[in-house]
Amino acid sequence: MLAPDTFRDRCVLITGGGTGLGLATAHEFGRLGAKLVLASRSAEHLEPAVKQLEDKGYEAISIVTDVRRPKAVERMVARAIERFGRVHTLINNAAGNFLCPSEELSAGGWKVVIDIALNGVFYCSREVGRHMIDQGGGQIVNVVAAYAWTGGPGTVHSAAAKAGVVAMTRTLGVEWASHGIRVNAVSPGPFHSDGAASRLWPSEEQAEEIRRAVPTQRFGNTEEIAQAITYLASPYADYINGEVLVLDGGAHLGRGLSV
């Protein structure tokens, strides 16, 4: 377990921070002393999320941001810097996904997922990366998925986007290391989340099928994924760069999962 002051006085910006994994990650960083910036397209998610964090004594602000829009990303980063002085860590968690057979996927459906899950990650990484270069370092952690390399039915849009993010993680890890910036990723398997459940395994039968495909015979939980993210951003992982940490109970060692 990381020391309680691991991220004291450090600013962590989390996209998709209002719900699910993003919010769980914010709680874990807050517990470890970080100052938090939550970004999401939905103000209705952000306001209660910030209240949750403040009720625990964590310092947090929210910024309504559409990561598909470079100018919106620029404003988000500028406001974070204005409030906390700098951004030390970026967590690219915002994503969009739904299951759809490739032959039925519309151009619009393809574009919206690519815009959020690939383009948005680049826009955020570029803008924060410029700032980190000026400040002399930082950490970026991206959230990807194993079907980026295993494949998975119904996920061609998301798999293509996540594969791009894996390549981006490795490329930026090499390119920016000389500036003191580490770039890594986590690849969660199926884990308990209301949003994922409703979109990807809406019935108990579907959930059980996925569970049986995981060697450890269970779903993950947001807290253990969040702990992995904080580890990769911490000084304890200072010699880890350009890597993808897989947390899926061994599921990727067999067939690809549509999660």
Protein backbone atom coordinates (compact mmCIF):
# COMPACT_ATOMS: atom_id res chain seq x y z
CA MET A 1 0.00 0.00 0.00
CA LEU A 2 1.29 3.45 -0.90
CA ALA A 3 2.14 5.90 1.87
CA PRO A 4 -0.75 8.26 2.76
CA ASP A 5 1.22 11.32 1.62
CA THR A 6 2.49 9.85 -1.67
CA PHE A 7 0.74 12.54 -3.73
CA ARG A 8 0.57 15.33 -1.19
CA ASP A 9 0.33 18.76 -2.86
CA ARG A 10 0.33 17.14 -6.30
CA CYS A 11 -2.41 17.85 -8.82
CA VAL A 12 -4.04 14.90 -10.59
CA LEU A 13 -6.33 15.48 -13.58
CA ILE A 14 -8.75 12.63 -14.33
CA THR A 15 -10.89 12.57 -17.46
CA GLY A 16 -14.15 10.66 -17.18
CA GLY A 17 -13.77 11.41 -13.49
CA GLY A 18 -17.41 11.77 -12.50
CA THR A 19 -18.41 8.12 -12.31
CA GLY A 20 -17.16 4.53 -12.23
CA LEU A 21 -13.45 3.91 -12.49
CA GLY A 22 -12.63 7.60 -12.83
CA LEU A 23 -14.35 8.46 -9.56
CA ALA A 24 -12.86 5.46 -7.76
CA THR A 25 -9.43 6.58 -8.97
CA ALA A 26 -10.10 10.09 -7.69
CA HIS A 27 -10.96 8.69 -4.26
CA GLU A 28 -7.72 6.69 -4.18
CA PHE A 29 -5.59 9.67 -5.22
CA GLY A 30 -7.43 11.84 -2.70
CA ARG A 31 -6.71 9.33 0.06
CA LEU A 32 -3.04 9.62 -0.88
CA GLY A 33 -3.04 13.42 -0.56
CA ALA A 34 -3.60 14.62 -4.14
CA LYS A 35 -5.46 17.70 -5.28
CA LEU A 36 -8.03 16.58 -7.80
CA VAL A 37 -9.39 17.87 -11.09
CA LEU A 38 -12.33 15.88 -12.45
CA ALA A 39 -13.32 16.34 -16.07
CA SER A 40 -16.38 14.99 -17.86
CA ARG A 41 -18.91 16.04 -20.46
CA SER A 42 -21.67 15.75 -17.85
CA ALA A 43 -22.05 18.39 -15.15
CA GLU A 44 -24.72 16.26 -13.49
CA HIS A 45 -22.08 13.60 -12.82
CA LEU A 46 -19.34 15.97 -11.76
CA GLU A 47 -21.18 17.94 -9.08
CA PRO A 48 -22.09 14.97 -6.86
CA ALA A 49 -18.66 13.43 -7.46
CA VAL A 50 -16.88 16.54 -6.18
CA LYS A 51 -19.21 16.66 -3.17
CA GLN A 52 -18.32 13.04 -2.34
CA LEU A 53 -14.63 13.90 -2.43
CA GLU A 54 -15.03 17.11 -0.43
CA ASP A 55 -17.06 15.26 2.21
CA LYS A 56 -13.98 13.07 2.74
CA GLY A 57 -11.80 16.14 3.12
CA TYR A 58 -10.17 15.97 -0.31
CA GLU A 59 -9.56 19.12 -2.36
CA ALA A 60 -11.30 18.80 -5.73
CA ILE A 61 -12.72 20.82 -8.58
CA SER A 62 -14.71 19.83 -11.63
CA ILE A 63 -14.43 21.06 -15.22
CA VAL A 64 -17.05 20.22 -17.81
CA THR A 65 -14.99 19.17 -20.83
CA ASP A 66 -15.57 17.38 -24.12
CA VAL A 67 -12.20 15.74 -24.79
CA ARG A 68 -13.10 15.50 -28.49
CA ARG A 69 -12.64 19.29 -28.75
CA PRO A 70 -9.01 20.51 -28.63
CA LYS A 71 -10.02 24.01 -27.53
CA ALA A 72 -12.08 22.57 -24.68
CA VAL A 73 -9.06 20.51 -23.61
CA GLU A 74 -6.87 23.63 -23.69
CA ARG A 75 -9.37 25.43 -21.42
CA MET A 76 -9.51 22.45 -19.05
CA VAL A 77 -5.75 22.33 -18.59
CA ALA A 78 -5.48 26.11 -18.25
CA ARG A 79 -8.10 26.13 -15.51
CA ALA A 80 -6.41 23.27 -13.65
CA ILE A 81 -3.10 25.13 -13.74
CA GLU A 82 -4.78 28.36 -12.66
CA ARG A 83 -6.28 26.62 -9.61
CA PHE A 84 -3.41 24.35 -8.52
CA GLY A 85 -0.32 25.83 -10.17
CA ARG A 86 0.53 22.83 -12.30
CA VAL A 87 -0.66 19.37 -13.34
CA HIS A 88 1.61 16.61 -12.07
CA THR A 89 -0.40 13.59 -13.26
CA LEU A 90 -2.91 12.96 -16.04
CA ILE A 91 -5.25 9.96 -16.04
CA ASN A 92 -6.83 9.43 -19.47
CA ASN A 93 -9.95 7.52 -18.47
CA ALA A 94 -12.70 9.07 -20.63
CA ALA A 95 -14.08 6.53 -23.08
CA GLY A 96 -17.06 5.57 -25.16
CA ASN A 97 -18.06 2.04 -26.07
CA PHE A 98 -20.97 -0.15 -27.08
CA LEU A 99 -21.19 -3.59 -28.63
CA CYS A 100 -22.02 -3.72 -32.32
CA PRO A 101 -21.24 -6.21 -35.11
CA SER A 102 -18.74 -4.61 -37.48
CA GLU A 103 -20.99 -4.96 -40.52
CA GLU A 104 -23.73 -3.03 -38.69
CA LEU A 105 -21.55 -0.26 -37.26
CA SER A 106 -22.43 3.14 -38.70
CA ALA A 107 -19.88 5.76 -39.70
CA GLY A 108 -21.18 7.92 -36.88
CA GLY A 109 -20.81 5.13 -34.32
CA TRP A 110 -17.24 4.50 -35.45
CA LYS A 111 -16.37 8.20 -35.33
CA VAL A 112 -17.76 8.95 -31.90
CA VAL A 113 -15.80 6.15 -30.23
CA ILE A 114 -12.57 6.98 -32.08
CA ASP A 115 -13.01 10.68 -31.25
CA ILE A 116 -13.37 10.03 -27.52
CA ALA A 117 -11.16 7.01 -26.90
CA LEU A 118 -8.27 7.82 -29.27
CA ASN A 119 -8.36 11.45 -30.38
CA GLY A 120 -9.39 12.66 -26.93
CA VAL A 121 -6.50 10.82 -25.30
CA PHE A 122 -4.08 12.46 -27.72
CA TYR A 123 -5.51 15.96 -27.25
CA CYS A 124 -5.30 15.64 -23.45
CA SER A 125 -1.83 14.07 -23.53
CA ARG A 126 -0.50 16.69 -25.93
CA GLU A 127 -1.83 19.63 -23.92
CA VAL A 128 -0.76 18.31 -20.54
CA GLY A 129 2.49 17.01 -22.03
CA ARG A 130 3.45 20.49 -23.24
CA HIS A 131 2.90 21.77 -19.72
CA MET A 132 4.85 18.88 -18.17
CA ILE A 133 7.78 19.50 -20.52
CA ASP A 134 7.90 23.11 -19.33
CA GLN A 135 7.61 22.01 -15.69
CA GLY A 136 10.26 19.31 -15.93
CA GLY A 137 8.25 16.11 -15.66
CA GLY A 138 5.07 14.30 -14.78
CA GLN A 139 3.15 11.07 -15.21
CA ILE A 140 0.44 9.98 -17.64
CA VAL A 141 -1.61 6.81 -17.19
CA ASN A 142 -3.98 5.68 -19.94
CA VAL A 143 -6.83 3.19 -19.60
CA VAL A 144 -6.91 0.62 -22.41
CA ALA A 145 -8.39 -2.87 -22.92
CA ALA A 146 -6.94 -6.27 -23.80
CA TYR A 147 -9.10 -6.61 -26.90
CA ALA A 148 -6.75 -3.99 -28.39
CA TRP A 149 -4.42 -6.95 -29.06
CA THR A 150 -6.62 -10.04 -28.61
CA GLY A 151 -9.60 -8.81 -30.62
CA GLY A 152 -13.15 -9.21 -29.40
CA PRO A 153 -16.50 -9.49 -31.17
CA GLY A 154 -18.51 -6.29 -31.40
CA THR A 155 -15.64 -4.04 -30.38
CA VAL A 156 -13.96 -3.08 -33.67
CA HIS A 157 -14.32 0.66 -32.98
CA SER A 158 -13.13 0.51 -29.39
CA ALA A 159 -10.42 -2.08 -30.12
CA ALA A 160 -9.01 0.12 -32.89
CA ALA A 161 -9.04 3.14 -30.57
CA LYS A 162 -7.45 1.29 -27.65
CA ALA A 163 -4.79 -0.24 -29.91
CA GLY A 164 -3.96 3.29 -30.96
CA VAL A 165 -3.67 4.33 -27.32
CA VAL A 166 -1.33 1.40 -26.61
CA ALA A 167 0.89 2.60 -29.47
CA MET A 168 0.60 6.17 -28.21
CA THR A 169 1.58 5.09 -24.69
CA ARG A 170 4.76 3.45 -25.95
CA THR A 171 5.62 6.23 -28.37
CA LEU A 172 5.15 9.05 -25.86
CA GLY A 173 6.95 7.01 -23.22
CA VAL A 174 10.01 6.95 -25.49
CA GLU A 175 9.64 10.47 -26.83
CA TRP A 176 9.05 12.27 -23.55
CA ALA A 177 11.24 10.27 -21.16
CA SER A 178 14.07 12.77 -21.56
CA HIS A 179 11.71 15.43 -20.19
CA GLY A 180 11.07 13.42 -17.02
CA ILE A 181 7.63 12.28 -18.19
CA ARG A 182 6.58 8.66 -17.76
CA VAL A 183 3.66 7.32 -19.82
CA ASN A 184 2.05 3.99 -18.96
CA ALA A 185 -1.32 2.27 -19.23
CA VAL A 186 -3.58 -0.11 -17.35
CA SER A 187 -5.70 -2.71 -19.12
CA PRO A 188 -8.60 -3.78 -16.89
CA GLY A 189 -10.59 -6.90 -17.60
CA PRO A 190 -14.27 -7.10 -16.71
CA PHE A 191 -14.95 -5.23 -13.49
CA HIS A 192 -18.03 -4.16 -11.60
CA SER A 193 -19.35 -0.86 -12.96
CA ASP A 194 -22.94 0.23 -13.52
CA GLY A 195 -22.13 1.78 -16.88
CA ALA A 196 -20.27 -1.26 -18.20
CA ALA A 197 -22.90 -3.66 -16.94
CA SER A 198 -25.77 -1.89 -18.67
CA ARG A 199 -23.91 -1.61 -22.00
CA LEU A 200 -21.84 -4.76 -22.16
CA TRP A 201 -23.44 -7.47 -20.01
CA PRO A 202 -27.02 -6.34 -19.36
CA SER A 203 -28.28 -9.80 -18.33
CA GLU A 204 -27.09 -12.12 -15.57
CA GLU A 205 -26.61 -14.85 -18.17
CA GLN A 206 -24.19 -12.66 -20.13
CA ALA A 207 -22.36 -11.69 -16.95
CA GLU A 208 -21.99 -15.36 -15.98
CA GLU A 209 -20.60 -16.24 -19.41
CA ILE A 210 -17.94 -13.56 -19.03
CA ARG A 211 -17.16 -14.64 -15.47
CA ARG A 212 -16.59 -18.24 -16.55
CA ALA A 213 -14.05 -17.05 -19.14
CA VAL A 214 -11.88 -15.43 -16.45
CA PRO A 215 -9.39 -17.93 -14.97
CA THR A 216 -9.84 -16.45 -11.48
CA GLN A 217 -13.63 -16.87 -11.89
CA ARG A 218 -14.54 -13.37 -10.77
CA PHE A 219 -14.99 -9.82 -11.94
CA GLY A 220 -12.57 -7.16 -10.80
CA ASN A 221 -13.54 -4.09 -8.83
CA THR A 222 -12.87 -0.42 -9.36
CA GLU A 223 -10.78 -0.09 -6.21
CA GLU A 224 -8.10 -2.57 -7.31
CA ILE A 225 -7.89 -0.96 -10.76
CA ALA A 226 -7.57 2.46 -9.10
CA GLN A 227 -4.78 1.15 -6.87
CA ALA A 228 -2.87 -0.02 -9.95
CA ILE A 229 -3.27 3.41 -11.54
CA THR A 230 -1.96 5.20 -8.45
CA TYR A 231 0.99 2.80 -8.30
CA LEU A 232 2.00 3.55 -11.91
CA ALA A 233 1.80 7.29 -11.17
CA SER A 234 3.81 6.99 -7.97
CA PRO A 235 7.57 7.24 -7.32
CA TYR A 236 7.57 3.48 -6.65
CA ALA A 237 7.08 2.96 -10.41
CA ASP A 238 9.69 5.49 -11.43
CA TYR A 239 11.54 2.98 -13.66
CA ILE A 240 8.38 1.79 -15.44
CA ASN A 241 7.74 3.58 -18.71
CA GLY A 242 5.81 2.75 -21.87
CA GLU A 243 4.25 -0.35 -20.33
CA VAL A 244 0.72 -1.76 -20.13
CA LEU A 245 -0.24 -3.35 -16.80
CA VAL A 246 -2.97 -5.93 -17.36
CA LEU A 247 -5.45 -6.59 -14.54
CA ASP A 248 -7.95 -9.15 -15.76
CA GLY A 249 -7.50 -12.34 -13.76
CA GLY A 250 -5.65 -13.89 -16.71
CA ALA A 251 -8.56 -13.52 -19.14
CA HIS A 252 -6.37 -12.15 -21.94
CA LEU A 253 -4.30 -15.32 -21.86
CA GLY A 254 -7.25 -17.18 -23.35
CA ARG A 255 -9.77 -15.81 -25.80
CA GLY A 256 -10.54 -12.09 -26.14
CA LEU A 257 -13.44 -10.80 -24.07
CA SER A 258 -16.05 -8.30 -25.22
CA VAL A 259 -15.76 -5.98 -22.22
